[in-house]
Amino acid sequence: MSFLSRRRLREAAVVMLGGLAGIGIDTGELAQAGNTLRAIEARGELLCGVDGGLTGFAEQDEDGNWSGFDTDLCRAYAAAILGDANDVRFVPLTTAERFEALADGEIDILIRNTSWTFARDVGQNFDFAGIAYYDGQGFMVPADLGISSARDINGARICVQGSTTTALNLADFIDANALNVDVIEYSTAQDGLDGYVAGECDVYTNDLSSLAGLRTQLSQPGDHILLPDVISKEPLGPVIRAGESRFLDVSRWVLFTLIAAEEFGVSQVNVIEQSENARNSEIRRMLGIEENFGEQLGLENDFAVSMLSATGNYGEIFSRNLGQESELGLRRGLNAQWTEGGLLYSPPFR
């Protein structure tokens, strides 16, 4: 289906929804009522909650353009649901704001370095769509401090972002190792970095991916090292409101499509050719050539072609934003495909 046809169908859908504004119902209320997919279609725009500024994941330049791993995931969702990766509004949120914004319907989906935990999944009425990035908490210290392990930080002052799993993990680590340290909490990751630079603390702890991004902001990044210790599991992934089985399916299978496309070798460059000539049955089902998987999700059958044409597969998104040729220079590690020794794995398209 052409882009113009998609646009016309979407415009028609808005009309069929009864002129929501005219009858006093806004799309935020629709979303809160458990109709997020309909709200997105009616609005013609995906509201995606992201970090306000984290190198490699979500950052905005002086011209207002957003880039990063998380923002590319947002674009993939917009392309899959609406047919156009540009039909997305990035909503920058602090750690303290993110869950309230999601619960209140101010955003449709949260893609903002948020760890999947029992309390958030079960206790806060949210659903995690999957794991987009396998992370873990670590420590950054000045290289000249002479520390080689987190167990050597006894007596140190530690900067940490409050109201996060990071602060809870730090408390557990301190108790488990009987450390005598001073913990200084900050409201945002940037505030914590500023405190670290100002000498208010000796050590800064956060997710390793965040530390790698924050270190690039320092005047002499090479003067600071990330310790080898990893003290937690931090599975980061998209979050939606609980109780929306259809939107949860969409949220999961968009992510799985990005992962599976890399495994199958379907890329931004060859996806159109693959959609016309692929012989592998699983690729054909994923791309909408055979069967009607997209329709079962409430999307176009070729939703995967739209999103992969816009953003590329998982590996391409990782490479340009986080990989070794990017500013962060991260290795794939646990975020490699299962066939390459990593943990990335999509259920089968069958």
Protein backbone atom coordinates (compact mmCIF):
# COMPACT_ATOMS: atom_id res chain seq x y z
CA MET A 1 0.00 0.00 0.00
CA SER A 2 1.34 3.45 -0.89
CA PHE A 3 2.06 6.12 1.69
CA LEU A 4 -0.75 8.27 0.25
CA SER A 5 -3.21 5.40 0.59
CA ARG A 6 -2.15 4.90 4.19
CA ARG A 7 -2.64 8.59 4.91
CA ARG A 8 -6.12 8.59 3.39
CA LEU A 9 -7.12 5.50 5.34
CA ARG A 10 -5.92 7.08 8.54
CA GLU A 11 -7.82 10.29 7.84
CA ALA A 12 -10.93 8.23 7.18
CA ALA A 13 -10.43 6.39 10.46
CA VAL A 14 -10.41 9.69 12.34
CA VAL A 15 -13.75 10.62 10.76
CA MET A 16 -15.23 7.20 11.56
CA LEU A 17 -14.20 7.57 15.20
CA GLY A 18 -16.99 10.11 15.46
CA GLY A 19 -15.19 13.43 15.56
CA LEU A 20 -13.72 12.83 18.99
CA ALA A 21 -13.02 16.47 19.76
CA GLY A 22 -16.54 17.41 18.72
CA ILE A 23 -18.14 15.14 21.30
CA GLY A 24 -15.82 16.14 24.10
CA ILE A 25 -13.54 13.10 24.08
CA ASP A 26 -9.84 13.64 23.56
CA THR A 27 -7.26 11.05 22.58
CA GLY A 28 -5.70 11.20 26.05
CA GLU A 29 -8.98 10.02 27.53
CA LEU A 30 -9.20 7.30 24.88
CA ALA A 31 -5.72 6.13 25.81
CA GLN A 32 -6.48 6.11 29.52
CA ALA A 33 -9.63 4.11 28.81
CA GLY A 34 -7.51 1.34 27.34
CA ASN A 35 -7.75 2.26 23.67
CA THR A 36 -4.21 3.44 23.07
CA LEU A 37 -3.95 2.02 19.55
CA ARG A 38 -7.17 3.79 18.53
CA ALA A 39 -5.99 6.99 20.18
CA ILE A 40 -2.72 6.93 18.22
CA GLU A 41 -4.56 6.35 14.95
CA ALA A 42 -7.08 9.09 15.68
CA ARG A 43 -4.38 11.54 16.68
CA GLY A 44 -2.17 10.62 13.75
CA GLU A 45 0.82 10.84 16.04
CA LEU A 46 2.61 8.59 18.51
CA LEU A 47 3.48 10.19 21.85
CA CYS A 48 6.75 8.61 22.93
CA GLY A 49 8.28 9.32 26.34
CA VAL A 50 12.08 9.60 26.24
CA ASP A 51 14.99 10.88 28.30
CA GLY A 52 15.49 14.61 28.11
CA GLY A 53 19.11 14.24 27.08
CA LEU A 54 21.28 11.13 27.20
CA THR A 55 24.03 10.75 24.62
CA GLY A 56 23.45 7.79 22.36
CA PHE A 57 19.91 7.17 23.57
CA ALA A 58 17.89 10.37 23.32
CA GLU A 59 19.21 13.86 22.70
CA GLN A 60 18.00 16.95 20.90
CA ASP A 61 20.25 19.26 18.89
CA GLU A 62 20.04 23.04 18.62
CA ASP A 63 17.62 22.75 15.71
CA GLY A 64 15.25 20.57 17.69
CA ASN A 65 16.15 17.31 15.93
CA TRP A 66 16.14 14.18 18.08
CA SER A 67 18.58 11.30 17.72
CA GLY A 68 19.52 8.18 19.64
CA PHE A 69 18.78 4.51 20.18
CA ASP A 70 15.53 5.15 22.08
CA THR A 71 14.27 7.77 19.64
CA ASP A 72 14.90 5.42 16.72
CA LEU A 73 12.81 2.80 18.51
CA CYS A 74 10.05 5.41 18.82
CA ARG A 75 10.28 6.05 15.08
CA ALA A 76 10.03 2.34 14.37
CA TYR A 77 6.79 2.19 16.37
CA ALA A 78 5.38 5.22 14.56
CA ALA A 79 6.23 3.71 11.17
CA ALA A 80 4.68 0.36 12.11
CA ILE A 81 1.45 1.86 13.47
CA LEU A 82 0.97 4.92 11.28
CA GLY A 83 3.09 4.17 8.22
CA ASP A 84 5.40 7.15 8.73
CA ALA A 85 8.37 7.31 11.11
CA ASN A 86 7.96 11.09 11.34
CA ASP A 87 4.52 10.80 12.93
CA VAL A 88 5.99 10.80 16.41
CA ARG A 89 6.21 13.43 19.13
CA PHE A 90 9.08 12.97 21.55
CA VAL A 91 8.09 13.85 25.11
CA PRO A 92 11.18 14.43 27.30
CA LEU A 93 10.64 13.17 30.83
CA THR A 94 12.67 13.06 34.02
CA THR A 95 12.92 9.89 36.07
CA ALA A 96 10.39 11.29 38.54
CA GLU A 97 7.92 12.25 35.79
CA ARG A 98 8.00 9.17 33.55
CA PHE A 99 5.54 6.81 35.24
CA GLU A 100 2.99 9.48 36.10
CA ALA A 101 3.05 10.69 32.49
CA LEU A 102 2.40 7.16 31.26
CA ALA A 103 -0.35 6.47 33.79
CA ASP A 104 -2.09 9.77 33.00
CA GLY A 105 -2.13 9.16 29.22
CA GLU A 106 0.29 11.98 28.45
CA ILE A 107 2.34 9.48 26.46
CA ASP A 108 1.41 6.27 24.65
CA ILE A 109 4.64 4.40 25.30
CA LEU A 110 7.70 4.96 27.46
CA ILE A 111 11.08 4.20 25.89
CA ARG A 112 13.44 5.77 28.37
CA ASN A 113 16.20 3.69 30.05
CA THR A 114 13.63 2.09 32.35
CA SER A 115 14.44 -1.23 34.02
CA TRP A 116 11.93 -4.07 34.06
CA THR A 117 11.32 -5.02 37.69
CA PHE A 118 8.67 -6.97 39.58
CA ALA A 119 7.39 -3.89 41.40
CA ARG A 120 6.95 -1.90 38.20
CA ASP A 121 5.43 -4.73 36.21
CA VAL A 122 3.08 -6.04 38.88
CA GLY A 123 2.82 -3.33 41.52
CA GLN A 124 2.48 -0.21 39.36
CA ASN A 125 0.02 -1.43 36.73
CA PHE A 126 2.40 -1.28 33.78
CA ASP A 127 3.41 -3.84 31.17
CA PHE A 128 6.89 -4.20 29.69
CA ALA A 129 6.86 -5.15 26.01
CA GLY A 130 10.24 -6.85 26.06
CA ILE A 131 13.93 -6.12 26.52
CA ALA A 132 15.44 -3.68 24.07
CA TYR A 133 18.77 -3.28 25.85
CA TYR A 134 20.50 -5.47 28.44
CA ASP A 135 22.26 -3.17 30.88
CA GLY A 136 23.78 -3.30 34.35
CA GLN A 137 24.77 -0.81 37.03
CA GLY A 138 28.40 0.22 37.32
CA PHE A 139 30.71 2.91 38.64
CA MET A 140 32.74 5.75 37.13
CA VAL A 141 35.78 7.16 38.95
CA PRO A 142 38.67 9.47 38.13
CA ALA A 143 41.50 7.37 36.73
CA ASP A 144 44.01 8.98 39.07
CA LEU A 145 42.05 7.85 42.13
CA GLY A 146 43.73 4.47 41.83
CA ILE A 147 40.56 2.42 42.33
CA SER A 148 40.30 -0.83 40.34
CA SER A 149 37.17 -2.33 41.90
CA ALA A 150 33.92 -1.09 43.39
CA ARG A 151 34.84 -2.96 46.55
CA ASP A 152 37.66 -0.45 47.05
CA ILE A 153 35.32 2.53 47.44
CA ASN A 154 35.10 2.30 51.25
CA GLY A 155 35.11 5.81 52.66
CA ALA A 156 34.16 7.40 49.33
CA ARG A 157 31.38 9.84 48.51
CA ILE A 158 29.05 8.43 45.87
CA CYS A 159 26.75 10.37 43.55
CA VAL A 160 23.52 8.58 42.56
CA GLN A 161 20.21 9.51 41.02
CA GLY A 162 17.42 9.30 43.57
CA SER A 163 14.02 7.60 43.15
CA THR A 164 15.53 4.93 40.90
CA THR A 165 16.44 1.25 41.01
CA THR A 166 20.00 2.59 40.82
CA ALA A 167 19.75 4.04 44.33
CA LEU A 168 18.18 0.82 45.65
CA ASN A 169 20.89 -1.33 44.04
CA LEU A 170 23.57 0.88 45.57
CA ALA A 171 22.04 0.49 49.01
CA ASP A 172 21.99 -3.30 48.60
CA PHE A 173 25.61 -3.29 47.42
CA ILE A 174 26.73 -1.18 50.37
CA ASP A 175 24.96 -3.47 52.85
CA ALA A 176 26.24 -6.66 51.23
CA ASN A 177 29.85 -5.44 51.34
CA ALA A 178 29.66 -3.61 54.70
CA LEU A 179 30.93 -0.40 53.13
CA ASN A 180 31.15 2.91 54.97
CA VAL A 181 30.35 5.52 52.32
CA ASP A 182 28.47 8.80 51.96
CA VAL A 183 25.64 8.67 49.41
CA ILE A 184 24.57 11.92 47.76
CA GLU A 185 21.33 11.80 45.78
CA TYR A 186 20.46 14.00 42.79
CA SER A 187 17.16 14.45 40.96
CA THR A 188 18.52 13.79 37.45
CA ALA A 189 21.43 11.96 35.87
CA GLN A 190 22.79 15.28 34.59
CA ASP A 191 22.67 16.78 38.08
CA GLY A 192 24.61 13.76 39.33
CA LEU A 193 27.23 14.26 36.65
CA ASP A 194 27.48 17.96 37.52
CA GLY A 195 28.02 17.02 41.16
CA TYR A 196 30.71 14.55 40.18
CA VAL A 197 32.49 17.15 38.03
CA ALA A 198 32.25 19.72 40.84
CA GLY A 199 33.99 17.35 43.22
CA GLU A 200 30.97 16.83 45.44
CA CYS A 201 31.61 13.09 45.25
CA ASP A 202 34.41 10.70 44.33
CA VAL A 203 32.37 8.07 42.51
CA TYR A 204 29.37 8.22 40.20
CA THR A 205 27.10 5.20 39.85
CA ASN A 206 24.48 4.61 37.17
CA ASP A 207 23.66 2.12 34.43
CA LEU A 208 26.80 1.46 32.40
CA SER A 209 25.15 2.69 29.20
CA SER A 210 24.24 5.96 30.93
CA LEU A 211 27.76 6.33 32.34
CA ALA A 212 29.24 5.80 28.87
CA GLY A 213 27.02 8.54 27.48
CA LEU A 214 27.59 10.93 30.37
CA ARG A 215 31.37 10.43 30.20
CA THR A 216 31.39 11.88 26.66
CA GLN A 217 30.30 15.22 28.17
CA LEU A 218 33.41 15.51 30.33
CA SER A 219 36.21 17.79 29.18
CA GLN A 220 38.70 14.92 29.38
CA PRO A 221 36.72 11.67 29.09
CA GLY A 222 39.91 9.62 29.10
CA ASP A 223 40.67 10.79 32.63
CA HIS A 224 37.72 8.80 33.93
CA ILE A 225 37.26 5.04 33.92
CA LEU A 226 34.34 2.66 34.24
CA LEU A 227 35.11 0.02 36.84
CA PRO A 228 34.68 -3.63 35.77
CA ASP A 229 32.09 -4.39 38.46
CA VAL A 230 28.48 -4.85 37.36
CA ILE A 231 26.23 -4.96 40.44
CA SER A 232 22.79 -5.44 38.92
CA LYS A 233 20.71 -6.66 36.02
CA GLU A 234 19.00 -3.77 34.24
CA PRO A 235 16.78 -5.04 31.42
CA LEU A 236 15.57 -1.90 29.64
CA GLY A 237 12.52 -1.94 27.41
CA PRO A 238 9.34 -0.22 26.20
CA VAL A 239 6.61 0.26 28.83
CA ILE A 240 2.86 0.69 28.32
CA ARG A 241 -0.18 0.87 30.58
CA ALA A 242 -1.42 -2.53 31.77
CA GLY A 243 -4.66 -4.07 30.56
CA GLU A 244 -4.25 -3.42 26.82
CA SER A 245 -3.67 -6.80 25.25
CA ARG A 246 -3.80 -5.56 21.65
CA PHE A 247 -1.37 -2.70 22.19
CA LEU A 248 0.89 -4.98 24.22
CA ASP A 249 0.99 -7.39 21.26
CA VAL A 250 1.87 -4.51 18.93
CA SER A 251 4.55 -3.22 21.31
CA ARG A 252 6.13 -6.67 21.61
CA TRP A 253 6.10 -7.64 17.95
CA VAL A 254 7.47 -4.34 16.67
CA LEU A 255 10.49 -4.93 18.92
CA PHE A 256 10.68 -8.61 17.91
CA THR A 257 10.58 -7.58 14.25
CA LEU A 258 13.62 -5.34 14.68
CA ILE A 259 15.50 -8.18 16.36
CA ALA A 260 14.41 -10.90 13.93
CA ALA A 261 15.17 -8.73 10.90
CA GLU A 262 18.80 -8.49 11.95
CA GLU A 263 19.00 -12.25 12.45
CA PHE A 264 17.50 -12.85 9.00
CA GLY A 265 19.71 -10.25 7.30
CA VAL A 266 16.80 -7.98 6.38
CA SER A 267 18.08 -4.40 6.45
CA GLN A 268 17.10 -0.87 5.55
CA VAL A 269 18.92 -1.31 2.23
CA ASN A 270 17.40 -4.61 1.13
CA VAL A 271 13.97 -4.73 2.79
CA ILE A 272 12.09 -3.71 -0.37
CA GLU A 273 13.89 -6.33 -2.43
CA GLN A 274 13.26 -8.91 0.29
CA SER A 275 9.57 -8.01 0.40
CA GLU A 276 9.35 -8.83 -3.30
CA ASN A 277 11.66 -11.82 -3.62
CA ALA A 278 12.32 -13.47 -0.24
CA ARG A 279 11.99 -17.26 -0.30
CA ASN A 280 12.44 -17.92 3.40
CA SER A 281 8.93 -18.58 4.73
CA GLU A 282 9.54 -16.88 8.08
CA ILE A 283 10.85 -13.74 6.38
CA ARG A 284 7.84 -13.77 4.07
CA ARG A 285 5.46 -13.96 7.02
CA MET A 286 7.33 -11.22 8.90
CA LEU A 287 7.24 -8.88 5.90
CA GLY A 288 3.57 -9.52 5.16
CA ILE A 289 4.04 -11.43 1.92
CA GLU A 290 2.29 -14.49 3.33
CA GLU A 291 -0.53 -14.75 5.86
CA ASN A 292 -1.95 -11.76 7.72
CA PHE A 293 0.11 -11.22 10.85
CA GLY A 294 -0.12 -7.43 10.57
CA GLU A 295 -3.90 -7.55 10.30
CA GLN A 296 -4.07 -9.70 13.41
CA LEU A 297 -2.19 -6.94 15.27
CA GLY A 298 -4.51 -4.27 13.92
CA LEU A 299 -1.78 -2.97 11.59
CA GLU A 300 -1.05 -3.14 7.88
CA ASN A 301 0.27 -6.54 6.82
CA ASP A 302 3.45 -4.87 5.56
CA PHE A 303 4.08 -2.89 8.76
CA ALA A 304 7.54 -4.45 9.02
CA VAL A 305 8.50 -3.10 5.59
CA SER A 306 7.48 0.42 6.67
CA MET A 307 9.45 0.36 9.90
CA LEU A 308 12.58 -1.32 8.53
CA SER A 309 12.64 1.07 5.57
CA ALA A 310 12.61 3.95 8.03
CA THR A 311 15.00 2.83 10.77
CA GLY A 312 16.73 -0.37 9.70
CA ASN A 313 16.92 -3.44 11.93
CA TYR A 314 18.07 -3.67 15.56
CA GLY A 315 21.73 -4.02 14.60
CA GLU A 316 21.63 -0.93 12.40
CA ILE A 317 19.96 1.12 15.15
CA PHE A 318 22.52 -0.07 17.70
CA SER A 319 25.49 0.54 15.41
CA ARG A 320 24.76 4.14 14.50
CA ASN A 321 23.80 5.25 18.01
CA LEU A 322 25.80 3.12 20.43
CA GLY A 323 28.26 0.96 18.47
CA GLN A 324 32.01 1.13 18.21
CA GLU A 325 31.91 3.68 15.40
CA SER A 326 29.58 5.95 17.38
CA GLU A 327 30.53 8.47 20.04
CA LEU A 328 29.86 5.93 22.80
CA GLY A 329 31.87 3.13 21.18
CA LEU A 330 30.04 0.30 22.96
CA ARG A 331 30.46 -3.36 22.09
CA ARG A 332 27.35 -5.44 21.52
CA GLY A 333 28.05 -7.76 24.46
CA LEU A 334 24.80 -9.17 25.85
CA ASN A 335 22.95 -7.17 23.19
CA ALA A 336 24.33 -9.33 20.40
CA GLN A 337 22.14 -11.85 18.61
CA TRP A 338 21.77 -15.24 20.28
CA THR A 339 23.63 -16.71 17.32
CA GLU A 340 26.61 -14.49 18.23
CA GLY A 341 26.73 -15.27 21.96
CA GLY A 342 24.33 -12.55 23.08
CA LEU A 343 20.83 -12.60 24.56
CA LEU A 344 18.79 -11.09 21.70
CA TYR A 345 16.15 -13.51 20.59
CA SER A 346 12.79 -13.17 18.87
CA PRO A 347 10.00 -15.73 19.06
CA PRO A 348 9.32 -17.27 15.62
CA PHE A 349 7.04 -15.69 13.03
CA ARG A 350 4.83 -18.70 12.45
